Amino acid sequence: MANAHHGANGTSSLPLIDVAARAGFQTQQHFTEVFHRYARCTPQAFRHRPTIG
């Protein structure tokens, strides 16, 4: 999930489906469900969150 967090952050230009595949998920839906369970937000919301600094 650490790699997925990095890939889902606002600095990555990869589509989320590619982030999911690189993290080893078969589908973007499963990636989103697991990501939401751990991060308590969707990958898209995580990408668009305000950054500090």
PDB file of N, CA and C in Angstrom:
ATOM      1  N   MET A   1       0.830  -1.194   0.000  1.00  0.00           N
ATOM      2  CA  MET A   1       0.000   0.000   0.000  1.00  0.00           C
ATOM      3  C   MET A   1       0.874   1.256   0.000  1.00  0.00           C
ATOM      4  N   ALA A   2       2.089   1.164   0.514  1.00  0.00           N
ATOM      5  CA  ALA A   2       2.961   2.340   0.503  1.00  0.00           C
ATOM      6  C   ALA A   2       3.225   2.800  -0.927  1.00  0.00           C
ATOM      7  N   ASN A   3       3.474   1.862  -1.832  1.00  0.00           N
ATOM      8  CA  ASN A   3       3.669   2.218  -3.236  1.00  0.00           C
ATOM      9  C   ASN A   3       2.409   2.817  -3.828  1.00  0.00           C
ATOM     10  N   ALA A   4       1.271   2.293  -3.439  1.00  0.00           N
ATOM     11  CA  ALA A   4       0.004   2.819  -3.942  1.00  0.00           C
ATOM     12  C   ALA A   4      -0.227   4.241  -3.452  1.00  0.00           C
ATOM     13  N   HIS A   5       0.101   4.515  -2.184  1.00  0.00           N
ATOM     14  CA  HIS A   5      -0.015   5.878  -1.671  1.00  0.00           C
ATOM     15  C   HIS A   5       0.847   6.818  -2.488  1.00  0.00           C
ATOM     16  N   HIS A   6       2.068   6.407  -2.769  1.00  0.00           N
ATOM     17  CA  HIS A   6       2.971   7.251  -3.558  1.00  0.00           C
ATOM     18  C   HIS A   6       2.409   7.484  -4.957  1.00  0.00           C
ATOM     19  N   GLY A   7       1.908   6.428  -5.575  1.00  0.00           N
ATOM     20  CA  GLY A   7       1.365   6.550  -6.921  1.00  0.00           C
ATOM     21  C   GLY A   7       0.062   7.315  -6.987  1.00  0.00           C
ATOM     22  N   ALA A   8      -0.677   7.336  -5.897  1.00  0.00           N
ATOM     23  CA  ALA A   8      -1.968   8.020  -5.884  1.00  0.00           C
ATOM     24  C   ALA A   8      -1.838   9.479  -5.446  1.00  0.00           C
ATOM     25  N   ASN A   9      -0.643   9.892  -5.052  1.00  0.00           N
ATOM     26  CA  ASN A   9      -0.523  11.276  -4.589  1.00  0.00           C
ATOM     27  C   ASN A   9      -0.623  12.256  -5.751  1.00  0.00           C
ATOM     28  N   GLY A  10      -0.765  13.500  -5.432  1.00  0.00           N
ATOM     29  CA  GLY A  10      -0.997  14.530  -6.438  1.00  0.00           C
ATOM     30  C   GLY A  10       0.160  14.763  -7.390  1.00  0.00           C
ATOM     31  N   THR A  11       1.342  14.246  -7.083  1.00  0.00           N
ATOM     32  CA  THR A  11       2.491  14.471  -7.953  1.00  0.00           C
ATOM     33  C   THR A  11       2.601  13.427  -9.050  1.00  0.00           C
ATOM     34  N   SER A  12       1.840  12.356  -8.963  1.00  0.00           N
ATOM     35  CA  SER A  12       1.894  11.304  -9.971  1.00  0.00           C
ATOM     36  C   SER A  12       0.956  11.643 -11.123  1.00  0.00           C
ATOM     37  N   SER A  13       1.457  11.456 -12.335  1.00  0.00           N
ATOM     38  CA  SER A  13       0.611  11.694 -13.504  1.00  0.00           C
ATOM     39  C   SER A  13       0.024  10.391 -14.039  1.00  0.00           C
ATOM     40  N   LEU A  14       0.316   9.281 -13.358  1.00  0.00           N
ATOM     41  CA  LEU A  14      -0.216   7.991 -13.795  1.00  0.00           C
ATOM     42  C   LEU A  14      -1.722   7.907 -13.566  1.00  0.00           C
ATOM     43  N   PRO A  15      -2.457   7.349 -14.518  1.00  0.00           N
ATOM     44  CA  PRO A  15      -3.875   7.070 -14.266  1.00  0.00           C
ATOM     45  C   PRO A  15      -3.992   6.063 -13.117  1.00  0.00           C
ATOM     46  N   LEU A  16      -5.068   6.151 -12.361  1.00  0.00           N
ATOM     47  CA  LEU A  16      -5.228   5.266 -11.209  1.00  0.00           C
ATOM     48  C   LEU A  16      -5.245   3.797 -11.603  1.00  0.00           C
ATOM     49  N   ILE A  17      -5.721   3.482 -12.778  1.00  0.00           N
ATOM     50  CA  ILE A  17      -5.717   2.080 -13.213  1.00  0.00           C
ATOM     51  C   ILE A  17      -4.279   1.571 -13.329  1.00  0.00           C
ATOM     52  N   ASP A  18      -3.355   2.439 -13.753  1.00  0.00           N
ATOM     53  CA  ASP A  18      -1.948   2.048 -13.839  1.00  0.00           C
ATOM     54  C   ASP A  18      -1.323   1.929 -12.455  1.00  0.00           C
ATOM     55  N   VAL A  19      -1.708   2.817 -11.551  1.00  0.00           N
ATOM     56  CA  VAL A  19      -1.239   2.725 -10.159  1.00  0.00           C
ATOM     57  C   VAL A  19      -1.689   1.397  -9.573  1.00  0.00           C
ATOM     58  N   ALA A  20      -2.954   1.052  -9.812  1.00  0.00           N
ATOM     59  CA  ALA A  20      -3.497  -0.206  -9.301  1.00  0.00           C
ATOM     60  C   ALA A  20      -2.728  -1.398  -9.859  1.00  0.00           C
ATOM     61  N   ALA A  21      -2.474  -1.397 -11.152  1.00  0.00           N
ATOM     62  CA  ALA A  21      -1.756  -2.506 -11.779  1.00  0.00           C
ATOM     63  C   ALA A  21      -0.334  -2.611 -11.236  1.00  0.00           C
ATOM     64  N   ARG A  22       0.343  -1.484 -11.084  1.00  0.00           N
ATOM     65  CA  ARG A  22       1.715  -1.502 -10.563  1.00  0.00           C
ATOM     66  C   ARG A  22       1.767  -1.970  -9.117  1.00  0.00           C
ATOM     67  N   ALA A  23       0.673  -1.757  -8.380  1.00  0.00           N
ATOM     68  CA  ALA A  23       0.610  -2.199  -6.982  1.00  0.00           C
ATOM     69  C   ALA A  23       0.172  -3.661  -6.887  1.00  0.00           C
ATOM     70  N   GLY A  24      -0.129  -4.282  -8.039  1.00  0.00           N
ATOM     71  CA  GLY A  24      -0.445  -5.701  -8.061  1.00  0.00           C
ATOM     72  C   GLY A  24      -1.920  -6.046  -7.999  1.00  0.00           C
ATOM     73  N   PHE A  25      -2.791  -5.078  -8.213  1.00  0.00           N
ATOM     74  CA  PHE A  25      -4.231  -5.332  -8.172  1.00  0.00           C
ATOM     75  C   PHE A  25      -4.737  -5.713  -9.549  1.00  0.00           C
ATOM     76  N   GLN A  26      -5.690  -6.639  -9.586  1.00  0.00           N
ATOM     77  CA  GLN A  26      -6.276  -7.097 -10.841  1.00  0.00           C
ATOM     78  C   GLN A  26      -7.217  -6.054 -11.438  1.00  0.00           C
ATOM     79  N   THR A  27      -7.933  -5.310 -10.573  1.00  0.00           N
ATOM     80  CA  THR A  27      -8.892  -4.310 -11.050  1.00  0.00           C
ATOM     81  C   THR A  27      -8.732  -3.015 -10.269  1.00  0.00           C
ATOM     82  N   GLN A  28      -9.130  -1.932 -10.910  1.00  0.00           N
ATOM     83  CA  GLN A  28      -9.095  -0.635 -10.232  1.00  0.00           C
ATOM     84  C   GLN A  28     -10.118  -0.607  -9.099  1.00  0.00           C
ATOM     85  N   GLN A  29     -11.248  -1.284  -9.262  1.00  0.00           N
ATOM     86  CA  GLN A  29     -12.272  -1.308  -8.224  1.00  0.00           C
ATOM     87  C   GLN A  29     -11.728  -1.939  -6.949  1.00  0.00           C
ATOM     88  N   HIS A  30     -11.032  -3.052  -7.072  1.00  0.00           N
ATOM     89  CA  HIS A  30     -10.474  -3.704  -5.882  1.00  0.00           C
ATOM     90  C   HIS A  30      -9.416  -2.813  -5.232  1.00  0.00           C
ATOM     91  N   PHE A  31      -8.579  -2.193  -6.058  1.00  0.00           N
ATOM     92  CA  PHE A  31      -7.585  -1.251  -5.550  1.00  0.00           C
ATOM     93  C   PHE A  31      -8.261  -0.132  -4.760  1.00  0.00           C
ATOM     94  N   THR A  32      -9.327   0.448  -5.320  1.00  0.00           N
ATOM     95  CA  THR A  32     -10.026   1.542  -4.651  1.00  0.00           C
ATOM     96  C   THR A  32     -10.613   1.088  -3.321  1.00  0.00           C
ATOM     97  N   GLU A  33     -11.190  -0.107  -3.286  1.00  0.00           N
ATOM     98  CA  GLU A  33     -11.772  -0.625  -2.040  1.00  0.00           C
ATOM     99  C   GLU A  33     -10.703  -0.809  -0.961  1.00  0.00           C
ATOM    100  N   VAL A  34      -9.576  -1.407  -1.332  1.00  0.00           N
ATOM    101  CA  VAL A  34      -8.508  -1.640  -0.364  1.00  0.00           C
ATOM    102  C   VAL A  34      -7.875  -0.316   0.052  1.00  0.00           C
ATOM    103  N   PHE A  35      -7.636   0.561  -0.903  1.00  0.00           N
ATOM    104  CA  PHE A  35      -7.056   1.874  -0.609  1.00  0.00           C
ATOM    105  C   PHE A  35      -7.945   2.623   0.376  1.00  0.00           C
ATOM    106  N   HIS A  36      -9.256   2.612   0.134  1.00  0.00           N
ATOM    107  CA  HIS A  36     -10.208   3.308   1.003  1.00  0.00           C
ATOM    108  C   HIS A  36     -10.184   2.734   2.408  1.00  0.00           C
ATOM    109  N   ARG A  37     -10.050   1.432   2.512  1.00  0.00           N
ATOM    110  CA  ARG A  37     -10.003   0.773   3.817  1.00  0.00           C
ATOM    111  C   ARG A  37      -8.804   1.267   4.637  1.00  0.00           C
ATOM    112  N   TYR A  38      -7.663   1.446   3.994  1.00  0.00           N
ATOM    113  CA  TYR A  38      -6.445   1.848   4.701  1.00  0.00           C
ATOM    114  C   TYR A  38      -6.292   3.363   4.837  1.00  0.00           C
ATOM    115  N   ALA A  39      -6.628   4.104   3.778  1.00  0.00           N
ATOM    116  CA  ALA A  39      -6.413   5.555   3.782  1.00  0.00           C
ATOM    117  C   ALA A  39      -7.633   6.341   4.247  1.00  0.00           C
ATOM    118  N   ARG A  40      -8.780   5.660   4.333  1.00  0.00           N
ATOM    119  CA  ARG A  40     -10.041   6.285   4.734  1.00  0.00           C
ATOM    120  C   ARG A  40     -10.499   7.377   3.775  1.00  0.00           C
ATOM    121  N   CYS A  41     -10.064   7.250   2.528  1.00  0.00           N
ATOM    122  CA  CYS A  41     -10.559   8.097   1.440  1.00  0.00           C
ATOM    123  C   CYS A  41     -10.254   7.371   0.135  1.00  0.00           C
ATOM    124  N   THR A  42     -10.875   7.787  -0.924  1.00  0.00           N
ATOM    125  CA  THR A  42     -10.629   7.158  -2.216  1.00  0.00           C
ATOM    126  C   THR A  42      -9.283   7.633  -2.762  1.00  0.00           C
ATOM    127  N   PRO A  43      -8.714   6.895  -3.704  1.00  0.00           N
ATOM    128  CA  PRO A  43      -7.466   7.357  -4.303  1.00  0.00           C
ATOM    129  C   PRO A  43      -7.604   8.737  -4.961  1.00  0.00           C
ATOM    130  N   GLN A  44      -8.743   8.978  -5.588  1.00  0.00           N
ATOM    131  CA  GLN A  44      -8.950  10.276  -6.227  1.00  0.00           C
ATOM    132  C   GLN A  44      -8.998  11.390  -5.194  1.00  0.00           C
ATOM    133  N   ALA A  45      -9.705  11.181  -4.085  1.00  0.00           N
ATOM    134  CA  ALA A  45      -9.756  12.183  -3.019  1.00  0.00           C
ATOM    135  C   ALA A  45      -8.363  12.396  -2.426  1.00  0.00           C
ATOM    136  N   PHE A  46      -7.597  11.317  -2.292  1.00  0.00           N
ATOM    137  CA  PHE A  46      -6.232  11.407  -1.777  1.00  0.00           C
ATOM    138  C   PHE A  46      -5.373  12.256  -2.702  1.00  0.00           C
ATOM    139  N   ARG A  47      -5.567  12.085  -3.994  1.00  0.00           N
ATOM    140  CA  ARG A  47      -4.803  12.853  -4.976  1.00  0.00           C
ATOM    141  C   ARG A  47      -5.112  14.347  -4.898  1.00  0.00           C
ATOM    142  N   HIS A  48      -6.344  14.669  -4.618  1.00  0.00           N
ATOM    143  CA  HIS A  48      -6.765  16.072  -4.661  1.00  0.00           C
ATOM    144  C   HIS A  48      -6.767  16.751  -3.293  1.00  0.00           C
ATOM    145  N   ARG A  49      -6.250  16.076  -2.269  1.00  0.00           N
ATOM    146  CA  ARG A  49      -6.228  16.679  -0.940  1.00  0.00           C
ATOM    147  C   ARG A  49      -5.230  17.830  -0.920  1.00  0.00           C
ATOM    148  N   PRO A  50      -5.469  18.810  -0.060  1.00  0.00           N
ATOM    149  CA  PRO A  50      -4.495  19.910   0.049  1.00  0.00           C
ATOM    150  C   PRO A  50      -3.168  19.385   0.614  1.00  0.00           C
ATOM    151  N   THR A  51      -2.088  19.941   0.137  1.00  0.00           N
ATOM    152  CA  THR A  51      -0.772  19.557   0.643  1.00  0.00           C
ATOM    153  C   THR A  51      -0.246  20.629   1.584  1.00  0.00           C
ATOM    154  N   ILE A  52       0.567  20.215   2.506  1.00  0.00           N
ATOM    155  CA  ILE A  52       1.178  21.158   3.463  1.00  0.00           C
ATOM    156  C   ILE A  52       2.555  21.497   2.952  1.00  0.00           C
ATOM    157  N   GLY A  53       2.848  22.790   2.980  1.00  0.00           N
ATOM    158  CA  GLY A  53       4.205  23.206   2.600  1.00  0.00           C
ATOM    159  C   GLY A  53       4.201  23.836   1.313  1.00  0.00           C
TER     160      GLY A  53
END
